[in-house]
């Protein structure tokens, strides 16, 4: 997998998590544990994206 396709895949997963977080948060009684786990995963993906986007070219 090329670097650009990896970054694209991570961006898609990040956007999907953002949608899931918004859906969960919009429920009448959001599951705080589920929200926490989704946010942790979203942050992990964001950190990996930042690392990949700012690494020097080979």
C-alpha atoms as a PDB file:
ATOM      1  CA  UNK A   1       0.000   0.000   0.000  1.00  0.00           C
ATOM      2  CA  UNK A   2       1.410   3.367  -0.961  1.00  0.00           C
ATOM      3  CA  UNK A   3       1.755   6.155   1.551  1.00  0.00           C
ATOM      4  CA  UNK A   4      -0.956   8.223  -0.136  1.00  0.00           C
ATOM      5  CA  UNK A   5      -3.438   5.343  -0.180  1.00  0.00           C
ATOM      6  CA  UNK A   6      -2.683   4.650   3.504  1.00  0.00           C
ATOM      7  CA  UNK A   7      -3.304   8.322   4.340  1.00  0.00           C
ATOM      8  CA  UNK A   8      -6.546   8.250   2.314  1.00  0.00           C
ATOM      9  CA  UNK A   9      -7.718   5.146   4.140  1.00  0.00           C
ATOM     10  CA  UNK A  10      -6.961   6.695   7.523  1.00  0.00           C
ATOM     11  CA  UNK A  11      -8.822   9.886   6.558  1.00  0.00           C
ATOM     12  CA  UNK A  12     -11.877   7.816   5.591  1.00  0.00           C
ATOM     13  CA  UNK A  13     -11.795   5.939   8.911  1.00  0.00           C
ATOM     14  CA  UNK A  14     -11.332   9.240  10.780  1.00  0.00           C
ATOM     15  CA  UNK A  15     -14.380  10.749   9.024  1.00  0.00           C
ATOM     16  CA  UNK A  16     -16.405   7.618   9.750  1.00  0.00           C
ATOM     17  CA  UNK A  17     -15.542   7.862  13.440  1.00  0.00           C
ATOM     18  CA  UNK A  18     -16.517  11.531  13.434  1.00  0.00           C
ATOM     19  CA  UNK A  19     -19.935  10.557  12.056  1.00  0.00           C
ATOM     20  CA  UNK A  20     -20.370   7.772  14.612  1.00  0.00           C
ATOM     21  CA  UNK A  21     -19.425  10.169  17.428  1.00  0.00           C
ATOM     22  CA  UNK A  22     -21.974  12.728  16.224  1.00  0.00           C
ATOM     23  CA  UNK A  23     -24.660  10.029  15.961  1.00  0.00           C
ATOM     24  CA  UNK A  24     -23.959   8.690  19.446  1.00  0.00           C
ATOM     25  CA  UNK A  25     -23.778  12.187  20.922  1.00  0.00           C
ATOM     26  CA  UNK A  26     -27.118  13.059  19.289  1.00  0.00           C
ATOM     27  CA  UNK A  27     -28.975  10.209  20.942  1.00  0.00           C
ATOM     28  CA  UNK A  28     -31.285  11.072  23.859  1.00  0.00           C
ATOM     29  CA  UNK A  29     -29.051   9.123  26.267  1.00  0.00           C
ATOM     30  CA  UNK A  30     -25.573   8.809  24.734  1.00  0.00           C
ATOM     31  CA  UNK A  31     -23.380   5.951  25.916  1.00  0.00           C
ATOM     32  CA  UNK A  32     -20.487   7.791  27.538  1.00  0.00           C
ATOM     33  CA  UNK A  33     -18.196   4.736  27.429  1.00  0.00           C
ATOM     34  CA  UNK A  34     -18.854   4.223  23.715  1.00  0.00           C
ATOM     35  CA  UNK A  35     -18.229   7.929  23.078  1.00  0.00           C
ATOM     36  CA  UNK A  36     -14.973   7.755  24.992  1.00  0.00           C
ATOM     37  CA  UNK A  37     -13.760   4.737  23.006  1.00  0.00           C
ATOM     38  CA  UNK A  38     -14.722   6.340  19.685  1.00  0.00           C
ATOM     39  CA  UNK A  39     -12.907   9.546  20.607  1.00  0.00           C
ATOM     40  CA  UNK A  40      -9.791   7.656  21.696  1.00  0.00           C
ATOM     41  CA  UNK A  41      -9.730   5.785  18.373  1.00  0.00           C
ATOM     42  CA  UNK A  42     -10.300   9.029  16.438  1.00  0.00           C
ATOM     43  CA  UNK A  43      -7.395  10.662  18.261  1.00  0.00           C
ATOM     44  CA  UNK A  44      -5.157   7.658  17.578  1.00  0.00           C
ATOM     45  CA  UNK A  45      -5.963   7.896  13.862  1.00  0.00           C
ATOM     46  CA  UNK A  46      -5.364  11.661  13.876  1.00  0.00           C
ATOM     47  CA  UNK A  47      -1.951  11.188  15.457  1.00  0.00           C
ATOM     48  CA  UNK A  48      -1.026   8.522  12.901  1.00  0.00           C
ATOM     49  CA  UNK A  49      -2.208  10.762  10.061  1.00  0.00           C
ATOM     50  CA  UNK A  50      -0.122  13.666  11.359  1.00  0.00           C
ATOM     51  CA  UNK A  51       2.923  11.416  11.662  1.00  0.00           C
ATOM     52  CA  UNK A  52       2.541  10.040   8.133  1.00  0.00           C
ATOM     53  CA  UNK A  53       1.815  13.412   6.544  1.00  0.00           C
ATOM     54  CA  UNK A  54       4.866  15.013   8.126  1.00  0.00           C
ATOM     55  CA  UNK A  55       7.426  12.269   7.696  1.00  0.00           C
ATOM     56  CA  UNK A  56      10.277  13.028   5.322  1.00  0.00           C
ATOM     57  CA  UNK A  57      10.073  11.362   1.900  1.00  0.00           C
ATOM     58  CA  UNK A  58      12.139   8.223   1.345  1.00  0.00           C
END
